[in-house]
Amino acid sequence: TLRKPISQSSMADWASKNLNMHTQGIFRRRISISNMLSWNGGSIKKPMLITSNRTIKKEACEMFKLVQSYMGDRQTRMDRNHVALVTVTKCWSMQGLRDELYIQLIRQTTDNTCYRSLAWGWELMAISLAFFSPSPKFQSYLEGYIYRHLDSDENIVQRIKELVDLKNKKNSKSRKKRKQNTEDEGLPISTYAKYCYRKLQKVAVTGGKKGLRKPTVEEITHARNAIVTPSLFGSSLEEIMLRQQDMYPGNKLPWVQTQLSQQVLALGGEQTEGIFRIPGDIDEVNALKLQVDQWRIPSSLSDPNIPASLLKLWYRELEEPVIPQQFYKECISNYENPDAAVAVVQLLPELNRLVLCYLIHFLQIFAQPSNVGRTKMDVNNLAMVMAPNCLRCQSDDPRIIFENTRKEMSFLRMLIVHLDTSFIKGLV
């Protein structure tokens, strides 16, 4: 369910306090907020947002040209992939530019009379949200803007027609030039908005791309494709199963879950000290994530911590946890009762039950005494690292979170010790 973000009056109030008001003409008259936040075909001479940082001031004006280039409103020799890469890399490397990019995209997708340019602006916003979040101060404003476009396709087409008619009345020569602009090109804007809204919720929590390796063209392409084709990461179990229907129609379990689990074992993970506790190299994990999303497992893997880290990430990023939210209270109420804990598993929807049983069966391999001696990861340690990936506490109260963390661990421990998962053997 989408929570309703801040009101339009609050957004106007935010804009009046944070926008770096521009001027125009020989008398340097201040541009109104509505004009500051409407599509602009020219350049800007200073940032959209107030800042005292000289580097940000200079980079912001250059970035506006990149935004226009990506949207097709400015000529460039670079292809759009490269424009997106340069833009995203600037903001990924320089935190102070992130809000500036998002406010520039808000401006260029407001009262834009060219549908294709408008769609590309939203596309760049979607790509950017795959790499970095806005600041907490700006998040609610961006959220409000995206929210207003979730079901606005008819209004957008109507607004474009009104603006074009208005321009045509002012300048009859523009009739031919802008004729094509009301034609729908590409996806509906609401498709981008819905994707951006979900992505914003996630990136605000996860913080976007991590590691030292800069964004790549492959990651840009992957982020763009994810708008239409959901990633295997961050989707619901149902969506993932639907996606693999063509390639693996007979599979009862998500391909990504079984393949990564098998990779951990194939690389000797059950004999690796600190498995699941020691993270794999983050850049290598990111690279593997890209390949897995293309249904590929590279043969060059040698460190079991890489697929182990990605497997944990897959569980953690599921849109809804493996144990759905409505069963959370039952889980933490029965954290000391083996029979009741096992009974909760039988109540889960079939797909969730199978995915959870596969995970528990997998962890039971590591919990065997012969393996614990090598990994130093006994049943308590396994429960500690995996519980947060299966159960999600919804409370914001630190005391409740702290108390429930202990119960979540204990509940998972009960399952590792007492759940019969023998039926899972050989299931894919």
Protein backbone atom coordinates (compact mmCIF):
# COMPACT_ATOMS: atom_id res chain seq x y z
CA THR A 1 0.00 0.00 0.00
CA LEU A 2 1.24 3.48 -0.85
CA ARG A 3 1.25 5.93 2.02
CA LYS A 4 0.09 9.43 1.10
CA PRO A 5 3.07 11.79 1.23
CA ILE A 6 3.18 15.49 2.09
CA SER A 7 0.50 17.83 0.75
CA GLN A 8 0.99 20.21 -2.16
CA SER A 9 0.96 23.22 0.19
CA SER A 10 3.80 21.66 2.20
CA MET A 11 5.69 21.07 -1.04
CA ALA A 12 5.22 24.72 -2.02
CA ASP A 13 6.47 25.76 1.41
CA TRP A 14 9.55 23.54 1.02
CA ALA A 15 10.26 25.00 -2.42
CA SER A 16 10.02 28.60 -1.17
CA LYS A 17 12.61 27.89 1.52
CA ASN A 18 15.07 25.78 -0.49
CA LEU A 19 14.97 26.95 -4.11
CA ASN A 20 17.81 29.19 -5.24
CA MET A 21 15.59 31.79 -6.94
CA HIS A 22 16.79 32.71 -10.45
CA THR A 23 16.45 36.11 -12.14
CA GLN A 24 15.91 37.19 -15.73
CA GLY A 25 16.07 40.26 -17.97
CA ILE A 26 18.20 43.37 -17.66
CA PHE A 27 16.43 44.32 -14.44
CA ARG A 28 17.23 40.90 -12.95
CA ARG A 29 13.64 40.25 -11.91
CA ARG A 30 13.13 37.12 -9.83
CA ILE A 31 11.49 34.20 -11.61
CA SER A 32 8.39 32.83 -9.87
CA ILE A 33 8.50 29.42 -8.17
CA SER A 34 6.13 27.99 -10.80
CA ASN A 35 8.45 29.14 -13.61
CA MET A 36 11.48 27.88 -11.69
CA LEU A 37 9.79 24.48 -11.65
CA SER A 38 8.65 24.40 -15.28
CA TRP A 39 10.47 22.96 -18.29
CA ASN A 40 13.28 25.17 -19.57
CA GLY A 41 14.88 24.94 -23.00
CA GLY A 42 17.82 27.19 -22.13
CA SER A 43 20.75 26.94 -19.74
CA ILE A 44 20.87 27.82 -16.06
CA LYS A 45 23.57 30.07 -14.58
CA LYS A 46 23.29 28.87 -11.00
CA PRO A 47 22.01 25.76 -9.15
CA MET A 48 18.34 25.15 -8.54
CA LEU A 49 18.90 24.57 -4.82
CA ILE A 50 20.62 26.89 -2.33
CA THR A 51 24.23 25.84 -1.71
CA SER A 52 27.48 27.47 -0.60
CA ASN A 53 29.68 24.77 -2.14
CA ARG A 54 31.58 26.22 -5.14
CA THR A 55 32.11 22.85 -6.81
CA ILE A 56 28.39 22.05 -6.58
CA LYS A 57 27.56 25.49 -8.02
CA LYS A 58 29.71 24.83 -11.08
CA GLU A 59 28.76 21.16 -11.55
CA ALA A 60 25.02 21.85 -11.19
CA CYS A 61 24.97 24.05 -14.32
CA GLU A 62 26.89 21.43 -16.32
CA MET A 63 24.58 18.70 -15.05
CA PHE A 64 21.52 20.62 -16.28
CA LYS A 65 22.98 20.39 -19.81
CA LEU A 66 23.43 16.62 -19.33
CA VAL A 67 19.79 16.29 -18.23
CA GLN A 68 18.69 18.21 -21.33
CA SER A 69 20.93 16.02 -23.51
CA TYR A 70 19.47 12.80 -22.09
CA MET A 71 15.94 14.08 -22.63
CA GLY A 72 16.71 15.02 -26.25
CA ASP A 73 16.29 18.76 -25.60
CA ARG A 74 19.95 19.58 -26.30
CA GLN A 75 22.18 18.24 -29.04
CA THR A 76 25.13 16.11 -28.01
CA ARG A 77 27.61 13.74 -29.62
CA MET A 78 27.37 11.31 -26.71
CA ASP A 79 24.84 8.48 -26.85
CA ARG A 80 22.16 8.51 -24.14
CA ASN A 81 23.74 5.62 -22.22
CA HIS A 82 26.94 7.59 -21.85
CA VAL A 83 25.08 10.78 -20.88
CA ALA A 84 23.27 8.81 -18.15
CA LEU A 85 26.55 7.26 -16.99
CA VAL A 86 28.30 10.66 -16.68
CA THR A 87 25.29 12.15 -14.85
CA VAL A 88 24.85 9.25 -12.43
CA THR A 89 28.60 8.97 -11.74
CA LYS A 90 28.81 12.70 -10.86
CA CYS A 91 26.00 12.37 -8.31
CA TRP A 92 27.14 8.99 -7.00
CA SER A 93 30.61 10.46 -6.34
CA MET A 94 29.39 13.83 -5.07
CA GLN A 95 26.56 13.61 -2.54
CA GLY A 96 25.76 17.33 -2.73
CA LEU A 97 24.65 16.98 -6.37
CA ARG A 98 21.97 14.35 -5.77
CA ASP A 99 19.11 16.58 -4.65
CA GLU A 100 20.12 19.04 -7.38
CA LEU A 101 19.68 16.34 -10.05
CA TYR A 102 16.28 15.33 -8.72
CA ILE A 103 14.99 18.93 -8.59
CA GLN A 104 16.30 19.50 -12.14
CA LEU A 105 14.41 16.40 -13.31
CA ILE A 106 11.27 17.63 -11.53
CA ARG A 107 11.64 20.93 -13.39
CA GLN A 108 12.21 19.35 -16.80
CA THR A 109 9.28 16.93 -16.43
CA THR A 110 6.86 19.70 -15.45
CA ASP A 111 4.85 21.40 -18.25
CA ASN A 112 7.04 19.69 -20.85
CA THR A 113 5.21 19.80 -24.19
CA CYS A 114 7.18 16.94 -25.77
CA TYR A 115 5.99 13.52 -24.60
CA ARG A 116 9.18 11.74 -25.63
CA SER A 117 11.35 14.24 -23.72
CA LEU A 118 9.03 13.91 -20.73
CA ALA A 119 9.27 10.09 -20.76
CA TRP A 120 13.07 10.23 -21.00
CA GLY A 121 13.20 12.61 -18.04
CA TRP A 122 11.23 10.13 -15.95
CA GLU A 123 13.46 7.34 -17.24
CA LEU A 124 16.57 9.19 -16.03
CA MET A 125 14.92 9.65 -12.62
CA ALA A 126 14.23 5.90 -12.44
CA ILE A 127 17.83 5.09 -13.42
CA SER A 128 19.21 7.53 -10.82
CA LEU A 129 17.13 5.98 -8.04
CA ALA A 130 18.90 2.68 -8.69
CA PHE A 131 22.19 4.28 -7.61
CA PHE A 132 21.48 6.86 -4.88
CA SER A 133 18.71 8.28 -2.73
CA PRO A 134 17.84 11.94 -2.22
CA SER A 135 18.76 13.46 1.14
CA PRO A 136 16.24 12.85 3.96
CA LYS A 137 15.39 16.58 3.76
CA PHE A 138 14.46 16.31 0.07
CA GLN A 139 12.91 12.85 0.09
CA SER A 140 9.39 13.90 1.09
CA TYR A 141 9.33 16.57 -1.65
CA LEU A 142 10.40 14.10 -4.35
CA GLU A 143 7.96 11.53 -2.98
CA GLY A 144 5.13 14.05 -3.21
CA TYR A 145 6.01 14.90 -6.80
CA ILE A 146 6.15 11.25 -7.89
CA TYR A 147 2.92 10.45 -6.00
CA ARG A 148 1.01 13.07 -7.99
CA HIS A 149 1.90 11.23 -11.22
CA LEU A 150 0.86 7.70 -10.23
CA ASP A 151 -2.47 7.92 -12.11
CA SER A 152 -2.05 11.05 -14.19
CA ASP A 153 -1.69 9.84 -17.79
CA GLU A 154 -4.89 11.42 -19.14
CA ASN A 155 -4.15 14.67 -17.30
CA ILE A 156 -0.60 14.76 -18.72
CA VAL A 157 -1.76 14.30 -22.33
CA GLN A 158 -4.47 16.93 -21.80
CA ARG A 159 -1.97 19.33 -20.22
CA ILE A 160 0.46 18.90 -23.14
CA LYS A 161 -2.34 19.71 -25.60
CA GLU A 162 -3.31 22.81 -23.62
CA LEU A 163 0.27 24.06 -23.48
CA VAL A 164 0.83 23.40 -27.20
CA ASP A 165 -2.42 25.23 -28.09
CA LEU A 166 -1.33 28.15 -25.93
CA LYS A 167 2.07 28.29 -27.67
CA ASN A 168 0.45 28.02 -31.08
CA LYS A 169 -1.76 31.00 -30.35
CA LYS A 170 1.26 33.03 -29.30
CA ASN A 171 3.38 31.92 -32.21
CA SER A 172 1.70 30.37 -35.24
CA LYS A 173 5.09 29.25 -36.62
CA SER A 174 5.44 26.74 -33.82
CA ARG A 175 2.45 24.73 -35.06
CA LYS A 176 4.46 22.47 -37.37
CA LYS A 177 7.46 22.20 -35.12
CA ARG A 178 5.56 20.92 -32.08
CA LYS A 179 2.86 18.94 -33.85
CA GLN A 180 4.32 15.57 -32.94
CA ASN A 181 4.67 16.42 -29.27
CA THR A 182 1.20 15.31 -28.21
CA GLU A 183 1.71 11.85 -29.66
CA ASP A 184 2.31 9.18 -27.06
CA GLU A 185 5.79 7.73 -27.34
CA GLY A 186 7.01 4.92 -25.14
CA LEU A 187 5.59 3.97 -21.76
CA PRO A 188 2.80 5.78 -19.93
CA ILE A 189 4.22 8.25 -17.38
CA SER A 190 2.35 6.44 -14.58
CA THR A 191 4.49 3.33 -15.29
CA TYR A 192 7.65 5.34 -14.59
CA ALA A 193 6.05 7.02 -11.58
CA LYS A 194 4.95 3.74 -9.98
CA TYR A 195 8.42 2.28 -10.50
CA CYS A 196 10.10 5.42 -9.11
CA TYR A 197 7.79 5.44 -6.10
CA ARG A 198 8.66 1.86 -5.14
CA LYS A 199 12.34 2.43 -5.89
CA LEU A 200 12.40 5.57 -3.72
CA GLN A 201 10.94 3.67 -0.75
CA LYS A 202 13.69 1.06 -1.06
CA VAL A 203 16.67 3.27 -1.83
CA ALA A 204 15.80 5.54 1.11
CA VAL A 205 16.39 2.52 3.38
CA THR A 206 19.22 0.72 1.56
CA GLY A 207 21.15 3.82 0.46
CA GLY A 208 21.72 2.76 -3.16
CA LYS A 209 24.85 1.39 -4.82
CA LYS A 210 27.68 0.55 -2.44
CA GLY A 211 31.34 -0.27 -3.03
CA LEU A 212 34.28 1.60 -4.49
CA ARG A 213 33.73 0.74 -8.15
CA LYS A 214 32.06 3.53 -10.10
CA PRO A 215 28.80 2.90 -11.98
CA THR A 216 29.16 1.12 -15.33
CA VAL A 217 27.27 1.22 -18.63
CA GLU A 218 26.03 -2.33 -17.89
CA GLU A 219 24.52 -1.12 -14.60
CA ILE A 220 22.88 1.84 -16.39
CA THR A 221 21.33 -0.52 -18.96
CA HIS A 222 20.23 -2.89 -16.19
CA ALA A 223 18.61 -0.02 -14.26
CA ARG A 224 16.72 1.10 -17.37
CA ASN A 225 15.55 -2.42 -18.22
CA ALA A 226 14.30 -2.93 -14.66
CA ILE A 227 11.57 -0.30 -15.27
CA VAL A 228 9.76 -2.74 -17.57
CA THR A 229 11.31 -6.06 -16.55
CA PRO A 230 11.43 -6.31 -12.75
CA SER A 231 14.75 -7.39 -11.27
CA LEU A 232 15.08 -10.76 -9.52
CA PHE A 233 16.09 -8.62 -6.52
CA GLY A 234 13.56 -6.46 -4.72
CA SER A 235 10.53 -8.10 -6.37
CA SER A 236 7.87 -10.29 -4.79
CA LEU A 237 8.20 -14.09 -4.85
CA GLU A 238 5.15 -14.25 -7.15
CA GLU A 239 6.73 -11.80 -9.64
CA ILE A 240 9.98 -13.76 -9.63
CA MET A 241 8.17 -17.06 -10.32
CA LEU A 242 6.20 -15.39 -13.11
CA ARG A 243 9.41 -14.11 -14.70
CA GLN A 244 11.03 -17.53 -14.74
CA GLN A 245 7.93 -19.25 -16.12
CA ASP A 246 9.23 -19.20 -19.71
CA MET A 247 12.76 -20.40 -18.92
CA TYR A 248 12.07 -22.80 -16.05
CA PRO A 249 8.37 -23.69 -16.26
CA GLY A 250 8.70 -26.81 -14.10
CA ASN A 251 10.52 -25.14 -11.19
CA LYS A 252 8.72 -24.98 -7.85
CA LEU A 253 11.37 -22.66 -6.33
CA PRO A 254 12.95 -19.38 -7.47
CA TRP A 255 15.90 -20.14 -9.77
CA VAL A 256 17.96 -17.40 -8.11
CA GLN A 257 17.52 -19.01 -4.67
CA THR A 258 18.51 -22.53 -5.72
CA GLN A 259 21.39 -21.45 -7.99
CA LEU A 260 23.07 -19.18 -5.43
CA SER A 261 22.61 -21.78 -2.67
CA GLN A 262 24.19 -24.46 -4.85
CA GLN A 263 27.08 -22.12 -5.73
CA VAL A 264 27.86 -21.57 -2.03
CA LEU A 265 28.08 -25.34 -1.53
CA ALA A 266 29.94 -25.97 -4.80
CA LEU A 267 32.66 -23.52 -3.70
CA GLY A 268 33.03 -25.24 -0.31
CA GLY A 269 31.03 -22.74 1.71
CA GLU A 270 30.16 -25.34 4.37
CA GLN A 271 33.90 -25.58 5.12
CA THR A 272 34.61 -21.82 5.01
CA GLU A 273 35.20 -20.02 8.30
CA GLY A 274 32.74 -17.19 8.93
CA ILE A 275 30.46 -18.05 6.00
CA PHE A 276 27.41 -15.69 5.97
CA ARG A 277 29.12 -13.57 8.63
CA ILE A 278 32.11 -12.36 6.61
CA PRO A 279 30.83 -10.33 3.64
CA GLY A 280 32.13 -10.92 0.12
CA ASP A 281 33.84 -8.10 -1.78
CA ILE A 282 31.00 -5.63 -2.44
CA ASP A 283 32.07 -4.80 -6.02
CA GLU A 284 32.24 -8.50 -6.90
CA VAL A 285 28.84 -9.05 -5.29
CA ASN A 286 27.42 -6.18 -7.41
CA ALA A 287 28.96 -7.71 -10.56
CA LEU A 288 27.47 -11.13 -9.76
CA LYS A 289 24.08 -9.52 -9.10
CA LEU A 290 24.08 -8.07 -12.62
CA GLN A 291 24.86 -11.46 -14.14
CA VAL A 292 22.28 -13.33 -12.04
CA ASP A 293 19.67 -10.82 -13.22
CA GLN A 294 20.53 -11.97 -16.74
CA TRP A 295 20.07 -15.63 -15.70
CA ARG A 296 23.81 -16.31 -15.75
CA ILE A 297 26.12 -17.80 -13.13
CA PRO A 298 29.77 -17.20 -14.09
CA SER A 299 32.14 -20.16 -13.96
CA SER A 300 34.97 -17.97 -12.66
CA LEU A 301 33.69 -17.71 -9.07
CA SER A 302 36.15 -18.90 -6.43
CA ASP A 303 35.12 -17.22 -3.15
CA PRO A 304 31.95 -18.74 -1.58
CA ASN A 305 31.42 -15.48 0.36
CA ILE A 306 30.40 -13.77 -2.92
CA PRO A 307 27.30 -15.94 -3.68
CA ALA A 308 26.61 -16.21 0.09
CA SER A 309 26.46 -12.40 0.41
CA LEU A 310 24.27 -12.11 -2.68
CA LEU A 311 21.95 -14.84 -1.39
CA LYS A 312 21.48 -12.95 1.88
CA LEU A 313 20.83 -9.78 -0.15
CA TRP A 314 18.19 -11.57 -2.23
CA TYR A 315 16.28 -12.68 0.88
CA ARG A 316 16.65 -9.26 2.50
CA GLU A 317 15.49 -7.32 -0.58
CA LEU A 318 12.35 -9.36 -1.27
CA GLU A 319 9.40 -7.00 -1.54
CA GLU A 320 7.67 -8.96 1.20
CA PRO A 321 9.77 -11.13 3.54
CA VAL A 322 9.84 -14.92 3.15
CA ILE A 323 7.65 -15.07 6.27
CA PRO A 324 4.89 -12.58 5.34
CA GLN A 325 4.09 -9.73 7.69
CA GLN A 326 0.75 -11.15 8.86
CA PHE A 327 2.58 -14.10 10.48
CA TYR A 328 5.16 -11.95 12.29
CA LYS A 329 3.36 -11.80 15.65
CA GLU A 330 2.81 -15.56 15.70
CA CYS A 331 6.52 -16.10 15.06
CA ILE A 332 7.78 -13.92 17.88
CA SER A 333 5.08 -15.27 20.22
CA ASN A 334 6.28 -18.83 19.66
CA TYR A 335 10.02 -18.28 19.71
CA GLU A 336 10.55 -20.80 22.53
CA ASN A 337 8.01 -23.43 21.47
CA PRO A 338 9.32 -25.87 18.81
CA ASP A 339 5.93 -27.38 17.93
CA ALA A 340 4.22 -23.99 17.63
CA ALA A 341 7.12 -22.62 15.54
CA VAL A 342 6.88 -25.55 13.12
CA ALA A 343 3.09 -25.13 13.02
CA VAL A 344 3.50 -21.50 11.83
CA VAL A 345 5.46 -22.74 8.81
CA GLN A 346 2.56 -25.02 7.80
CA LEU A 347 0.23 -21.99 7.77
CA LEU A 348 2.31 -20.05 5.23
CA PRO A 349 1.21 -19.68 1.59
CA GLU A 350 2.57 -22.62 -0.44
CA LEU A 351 5.29 -20.66 -2.27
CA ASN A 352 6.52 -18.99 0.93
CA ARG A 353 6.48 -22.34 2.73
CA LEU A 354 8.63 -23.99 0.05
CA VAL A 355 11.09 -21.08 -0.11
CA LEU A 356 11.45 -21.01 3.68
CA CYS A 357 11.83 -24.80 3.94
CA TYR A 358 14.52 -24.72 1.24
CA LEU A 359 16.40 -22.05 3.21
CA ILE A 360 16.11 -23.98 6.48
CA HIS A 361 17.24 -27.21 4.77
CA PHE A 362 20.23 -25.26 3.38
CA LEU A 363 21.10 -23.88 6.84
CA GLN A 364 20.76 -27.33 8.40
CA ILE A 365 23.71 -28.44 6.24
CA PHE A 366 25.87 -25.75 7.86
CA ALA A 367 24.54 -26.59 11.33
CA GLN A 368 25.98 -30.11 11.18
CA PRO A 369 28.72 -30.51 13.86
CA SER A 370 31.32 -31.61 11.26
CA ASN A 371 30.84 -28.31 9.42
CA VAL A 372 30.52 -26.06 12.49
CA GLY A 373 34.06 -27.05 13.49
CA ARG A 374 35.33 -25.47 10.27
CA THR A 375 32.93 -22.54 9.79
CA LYS A 376 32.68 -21.47 13.48
CA MET A 377 29.02 -20.79 12.56
CA ASP A 378 26.84 -22.84 14.91
CA VAL A 379 23.05 -22.81 14.91
CA ASN A 380 22.94 -19.63 17.02
CA ASN A 381 25.24 -17.74 14.67
CA LEU A 382 23.33 -18.95 11.62
CA ALA A 383 20.05 -17.82 13.17
CA MET A 384 21.59 -14.45 14.07
CA VAL A 385 22.74 -13.63 10.51
CA MET A 386 19.66 -15.03 8.73
CA ALA A 387 16.74 -13.98 10.95
CA PRO A 388 16.76 -10.32 9.75
CA ASN A 389 16.46 -11.62 6.17
CA CYS A 390 13.33 -13.66 6.91
CA LEU A 391 11.40 -11.54 9.41
CA ARG A 392 10.88 -7.77 9.44
CA CYS A 393 9.89 -5.85 12.53
CA GLN A 394 7.62 -2.94 11.57
CA SER A 395 8.06 -0.95 14.76
CA ASP A 396 10.14 2.26 14.91
CA ASP A 397 10.66 1.93 18.65
CA PRO A 398 14.33 0.95 19.31
CA ARG A 399 13.37 -0.99 22.47
CA ILE A 400 10.79 -3.10 20.61
CA ILE A 401 13.23 -3.69 17.73
CA PHE A 402 15.94 -4.77 20.17
CA GLU A 403 13.61 -7.10 22.08
CA ASN A 404 12.12 -8.59 18.91
CA THR A 405 15.54 -9.20 17.34
CA ARG A 406 16.27 -11.73 20.09
CA LYS A 407 12.89 -13.43 19.53
CA GLU A 408 13.37 -13.52 15.73
CA MET A 409 16.73 -15.23 16.17
CA SER A 410 15.28 -17.73 18.62
CA PHE A 411 12.36 -18.50 16.28
CA LEU A 412 14.69 -19.23 13.35
CA ARG A 413 16.90 -21.33 15.61
CA MET A 414 13.83 -23.45 16.49
CA LEU A 415 13.21 -24.08 12.80
CA ILE A 416 16.84 -25.01 12.03
CA VAL A 417 16.83 -27.51 14.92
CA HIS A 418 13.28 -28.92 14.71
CA LEU A 419 11.80 -28.42 11.19
CA ASP A 420 11.70 -31.58 9.05
CA THR A 421 12.86 -30.47 5.60
CA SER A 422 13.72 -33.89 4.14
CA PHE A 423 11.03 -33.47 1.45
CA ILE A 424 13.01 -30.56 -0.04
CA LYS A 425 15.89 -32.76 -1.28
CA GLY A 426 16.05 -32.68 -5.06
CA LEU A 427 13.36 -29.98 -5.34
CA VAL A 428 14.15 -27.11 -7.72
